[in-house]
Amino acid sequence: MLDVALFMANAAQLKAIVEQGPSFHYYVALIVLISVSLFFQMTIGILLIVMARLNLNDVAKQQRLDLLNNITTVLILLTLERDDAHCS
């Protein structure tokens, strides 16, 4: 639920920034940061779906799942850090 709430909050922020227009002081920076955050969140969702579909009990797939899990964890940390910095 947190992921959906974060995604919706970012989408609402992006809409508000776009509606304010380029006259806003940090317009480009905020557009880029919010867009990157949305991209990371969509990528995380896709990676989680891929990991859920792979069989963890299959020894041949365990190394790939471990790599996907590590990538997903890093993306989650980057997304949350970016959103924490944006909120403060």
N, C-alpha and C. Protein backbone atom coordinates (compact mmCIF):
# COMPACT_ATOMS: atom_id res chain seq x y z
N MET A 1 0.82 -1.20 0.00
CA MET A 1 0.00 0.00 0.00
C MET A 1 0.87 1.26 0.00
N LEU A 2 2.01 1.20 0.68
CA LEU A 2 2.90 2.35 0.71
C LEU A 2 3.39 2.70 -0.68
N ASP A 3 3.67 1.67 -1.50
CA ASP A 3 4.14 1.90 -2.85
C ASP A 3 3.10 2.63 -3.69
N VAL A 4 1.86 2.23 -3.56
CA VAL A 4 0.78 2.86 -4.32
C VAL A 4 0.60 4.30 -3.84
N ALA A 5 0.65 4.51 -2.54
CA ALA A 5 0.49 5.86 -2.00
C ALA A 5 1.64 6.76 -2.45
N LEU A 6 2.85 6.24 -2.44
CA LEU A 6 4.00 7.00 -2.88
C LEU A 6 3.91 7.32 -4.36
N PHE A 7 3.50 6.34 -5.16
CA PHE A 7 3.35 6.55 -6.60
C PHE A 7 2.30 7.63 -6.88
N MET A 8 1.16 7.55 -6.20
CA MET A 8 0.10 8.53 -6.41
C MET A 8 0.52 9.92 -5.93
N ALA A 9 1.24 10.00 -4.83
CA ALA A 9 1.72 11.29 -4.33
C ALA A 9 2.70 11.91 -5.33
N ASN A 10 3.59 11.10 -5.88
CA ASN A 10 4.53 11.60 -6.88
C ASN A 10 3.82 12.07 -8.14
N ALA A 11 2.81 11.31 -8.56
CA ALA A 11 2.04 11.71 -9.75
C ALA A 11 1.31 13.03 -9.50
N ALA A 12 0.75 13.20 -8.31
CA ALA A 12 0.06 14.45 -7.97
C ALA A 12 1.05 15.61 -7.91
N GLN A 13 2.24 15.37 -7.35
CA GLN A 13 3.26 16.42 -7.31
C GLN A 13 3.70 16.80 -8.71
N LEU A 14 3.88 15.82 -9.57
CA LEU A 14 4.29 16.09 -10.95
C LEU A 14 3.22 16.92 -11.66
N LYS A 15 1.97 16.57 -11.47
CA LYS A 15 0.87 17.32 -12.08
C LYS A 15 0.85 18.76 -11.58
N ALA A 16 1.05 18.95 -10.28
CA ALA A 16 1.04 20.30 -9.71
C ALA A 16 2.20 21.13 -10.26
N ILE A 17 3.36 20.54 -10.39
CA ILE A 17 4.53 21.26 -10.91
C ILE A 17 4.31 21.64 -12.37
N VAL A 18 3.78 20.71 -13.16
CA VAL A 18 3.52 20.99 -14.58
C VAL A 18 2.48 22.09 -14.72
N GLU A 19 1.47 22.09 -13.86
CA GLU A 19 0.43 23.12 -13.92
C GLU A 19 0.98 24.49 -13.55
N GLN A 20 1.97 24.55 -12.65
CA GLN A 20 2.57 25.83 -12.28
C GLN A 20 3.38 26.41 -13.42
N GLY A 21 3.92 25.55 -14.23
CA GLY A 21 4.66 26.01 -15.40
C GLY A 21 6.12 26.29 -15.12
N PRO A 22 6.86 26.63 -16.18
CA PRO A 22 8.31 26.83 -16.08
C PRO A 22 8.72 28.06 -15.27
N SER A 23 7.78 28.89 -14.88
CA SER A 23 8.13 30.07 -14.09
C SER A 23 8.52 29.69 -12.65
N PHE A 24 8.17 28.45 -12.25
CA PHE A 24 8.53 27.97 -10.92
C PHE A 24 10.05 27.84 -10.82
N HIS A 25 10.63 28.24 -9.69
CA HIS A 25 12.08 28.35 -9.54
C HIS A 25 12.83 27.04 -9.82
N TYR A 26 12.37 25.95 -9.27
CA TYR A 26 13.05 24.65 -9.42
C TYR A 26 12.29 23.73 -10.37
N TYR A 27 11.66 24.26 -11.38
CA TYR A 27 10.78 23.51 -12.28
C TYR A 27 11.48 22.30 -12.89
N VAL A 28 12.59 22.51 -13.57
CA VAL A 28 13.28 21.41 -14.27
C VAL A 28 13.79 20.37 -13.28
N ALA A 29 14.39 20.81 -12.19
CA ALA A 29 14.94 19.88 -11.20
C ALA A 29 13.83 19.00 -10.62
N LEU A 30 12.71 19.59 -10.28
CA LEU A 30 11.62 18.81 -9.70
C LEU A 30 11.00 17.85 -10.73
N ILE A 31 10.86 18.31 -11.96
CA ILE A 31 10.33 17.43 -13.01
C ILE A 31 11.24 16.21 -13.16
N VAL A 32 12.54 16.45 -13.20
CA VAL A 32 13.50 15.35 -13.37
C VAL A 32 13.46 14.41 -12.17
N LEU A 33 13.52 14.94 -10.97
CA LEU A 33 13.55 14.09 -9.77
C LEU A 33 12.27 13.27 -9.61
N ILE A 34 11.14 13.90 -9.81
CA ILE A 34 9.88 13.18 -9.67
C ILE A 34 9.74 12.13 -10.77
N SER A 35 10.16 12.47 -11.99
CA SER A 35 10.10 11.50 -13.09
C SER A 35 11.01 10.31 -12.83
N VAL A 36 12.21 10.56 -12.32
CA VAL A 36 13.13 9.47 -11.99
C VAL A 36 12.52 8.59 -10.90
N SER A 37 11.92 9.20 -9.91
CA SER A 37 11.28 8.44 -8.84
C SER A 37 10.15 7.57 -9.39
N LEU A 38 9.32 8.12 -10.27
CA LEU A 38 8.24 7.34 -10.87
C LEU A 38 8.80 6.20 -11.72
N PHE A 39 9.86 6.46 -12.47
CA PHE A 39 10.50 5.42 -13.27
C PHE A 39 11.03 4.30 -12.38
N PHE A 40 11.71 4.66 -11.29
CA PHE A 40 12.23 3.65 -10.36
C PHE A 40 11.09 2.83 -9.77
N GLN A 41 9.99 3.48 -9.41
CA GLN A 41 8.87 2.76 -8.81
C GLN A 41 8.25 1.78 -9.80
N MET A 42 8.13 2.18 -11.06
CA MET A 42 7.61 1.25 -12.07
C MET A 42 8.59 0.10 -12.29
N THR A 43 9.88 0.39 -12.32
CA THR A 43 10.89 -0.65 -12.49
C THR A 43 10.86 -1.63 -11.32
N ILE A 44 10.72 -1.11 -10.12
CA ILE A 44 10.64 -1.96 -8.92
C ILE A 44 9.43 -2.90 -9.03
N GLY A 45 8.30 -2.36 -9.44
CA GLY A 45 7.10 -3.18 -9.59
C GLY A 45 7.30 -4.31 -10.59
N ILE A 46 7.93 -3.99 -11.71
CA ILE A 46 8.20 -5.01 -12.73
C ILE A 46 9.17 -6.06 -12.18
N LEU A 47 10.22 -5.62 -11.51
CA LEU A 47 11.19 -6.57 -10.94
C LEU A 47 10.54 -7.47 -9.90
N LEU A 48 9.66 -6.93 -9.08
CA LEU A 48 8.98 -7.75 -8.07
C LEU A 48 8.08 -8.79 -8.73
N ILE A 49 7.41 -8.42 -9.82
CA ILE A 49 6.56 -9.38 -10.54
C ILE A 49 7.42 -10.49 -11.14
N VAL A 50 8.55 -10.11 -11.75
CA VAL A 50 9.45 -11.11 -12.34
C VAL A 50 9.97 -12.06 -11.26
N MET A 51 10.38 -11.50 -10.11
CA MET A 51 10.91 -12.35 -9.03
C MET A 51 9.84 -13.29 -8.49
N ALA A 52 8.60 -12.81 -8.42
CA ALA A 52 7.52 -13.64 -7.89
C ALA A 52 7.21 -14.81 -8.83
N ARG A 53 7.43 -14.61 -10.11
CA ARG A 53 7.11 -15.66 -11.09
C ARG A 53 8.21 -16.71 -11.21
N LEU A 54 9.42 -16.38 -10.81
CA LEU A 54 10.52 -17.36 -10.89
C LEU A 54 10.48 -18.28 -9.68
N ASN A 55 10.87 -19.52 -9.88
CA ASN A 55 10.83 -20.54 -8.84
C ASN A 55 12.13 -20.46 -8.02
N LEU A 56 12.00 -20.07 -6.76
CA LEU A 56 13.16 -19.96 -5.87
C LEU A 56 13.77 -21.33 -5.58
N ASN A 57 12.98 -22.37 -5.66
CA ASN A 57 13.49 -23.71 -5.37
C ASN A 57 14.36 -24.26 -6.49
N ASP A 58 14.29 -23.66 -7.68
CA ASP A 58 15.13 -24.08 -8.80
C ASP A 58 16.53 -23.50 -8.60
N VAL A 59 17.50 -24.39 -8.33
CA VAL A 59 18.87 -23.96 -8.01
C VAL A 59 19.47 -23.13 -9.15
N ALA A 60 19.12 -23.44 -10.38
CA ALA A 60 19.67 -22.71 -11.52
C ALA A 60 19.21 -21.26 -11.55
N LYS A 61 18.07 -20.97 -10.96
CA LYS A 61 17.52 -19.60 -10.97
C LYS A 61 17.87 -18.80 -9.72
N GLN A 62 18.46 -19.43 -8.73
CA GLN A 62 18.72 -18.76 -7.46
C GLN A 62 19.70 -17.60 -7.60
N GLN A 63 20.72 -17.75 -8.42
CA GLN A 63 21.69 -16.67 -8.59
C GLN A 63 21.03 -15.47 -9.27
N ARG A 64 20.21 -15.74 -10.29
CA ARG A 64 19.51 -14.65 -10.97
C ARG A 64 18.54 -13.96 -10.02
N LEU A 65 17.81 -14.75 -9.21
CA LEU A 65 16.88 -14.16 -8.26
C LEU A 65 17.60 -13.32 -7.21
N ASP A 66 18.76 -13.78 -6.79
CA ASP A 66 19.56 -13.02 -5.83
C ASP A 66 19.97 -11.67 -6.42
N LEU A 67 20.41 -11.67 -7.68
CA LEU A 67 20.78 -10.43 -8.35
C LEU A 67 19.58 -9.50 -8.50
N LEU A 68 18.44 -10.03 -8.93
CA LEU A 68 17.24 -9.22 -9.05
C LEU A 68 16.80 -8.65 -7.71
N ASN A 69 16.93 -9.46 -6.66
CA ASN A 69 16.58 -9.00 -5.32
C ASN A 69 17.49 -7.85 -4.89
N ASN A 70 18.79 -7.96 -5.16
CA ASN A 70 19.73 -6.90 -4.80
C ASN A 70 19.45 -5.62 -5.58
N ILE A 71 19.17 -5.75 -6.86
CA ILE A 71 18.85 -4.57 -7.68
C ILE A 71 17.58 -3.90 -7.17
N THR A 72 16.57 -4.69 -6.87
CA THR A 72 15.31 -4.15 -6.36
C THR A 72 15.52 -3.44 -5.03
N THR A 73 16.32 -4.01 -4.15
CA THR A 73 16.59 -3.38 -2.86
C THR A 73 17.28 -2.04 -3.03
N VAL A 74 18.26 -1.97 -3.90
CA VAL A 74 18.96 -0.70 -4.14
C VAL A 74 18.00 0.34 -4.72
N LEU A 75 17.17 -0.06 -5.67
CA LEU A 75 16.21 0.89 -6.25
C LEU A 75 15.21 1.39 -5.21
N ILE A 76 14.77 0.50 -4.33
CA ILE A 76 13.85 0.92 -3.27
C ILE A 76 14.53 1.93 -2.36
N LEU A 77 15.75 1.66 -1.97
CA LEU A 77 16.47 2.60 -1.11
C LEU A 77 16.69 3.95 -1.79
N LEU A 78 17.04 3.93 -3.07
CA LEU A 78 17.22 5.18 -3.81
C LEU A 78 15.91 5.95 -3.93
N THR A 79 14.83 5.24 -4.19
CA THR A 79 13.53 5.90 -4.33
C THR A 79 13.09 6.51 -3.01
N LEU A 80 13.21 5.76 -1.94
CA LEU A 80 12.79 6.28 -0.64
C LEU A 80 13.68 7.42 -0.19
N GLU A 81 14.98 7.34 -0.46
CA GLU A 81 15.89 8.42 -0.08
C GLU A 81 15.56 9.67 -0.86
N ARG A 82 15.28 9.55 -2.14
CA ARG A 82 14.93 10.69 -2.97
C ARG A 82 13.65 11.33 -2.47
N ASP A 83 12.67 10.51 -2.11
CA ASP A 83 11.40 11.06 -1.64
C ASP A 83 11.54 11.65 -0.24
N ASP A 84 12.40 11.08 0.60
CA ASP A 84 12.65 11.68 1.91
C ASP A 84 13.32 13.03 1.77
N ALA A 85 14.27 13.15 0.88
CA ALA A 85 14.97 14.41 0.66
C ALA A 85 14.01 15.45 0.08
N HIS A 86 13.09 15.01 -0.75
CA HIS A 86 12.14 15.93 -1.39
C HIS A 86 11.15 16.44 -0.36
N CYS A 87 10.77 15.60 0.61
CA CYS A 87 9.77 15.99 1.60
C CYS A 87 10.32 16.93 2.67
N SER A 88 11.62 16.89 2.91
CA SER A 88 12.17 17.72 3.99
C SER A 88 12.55 19.10 3.55
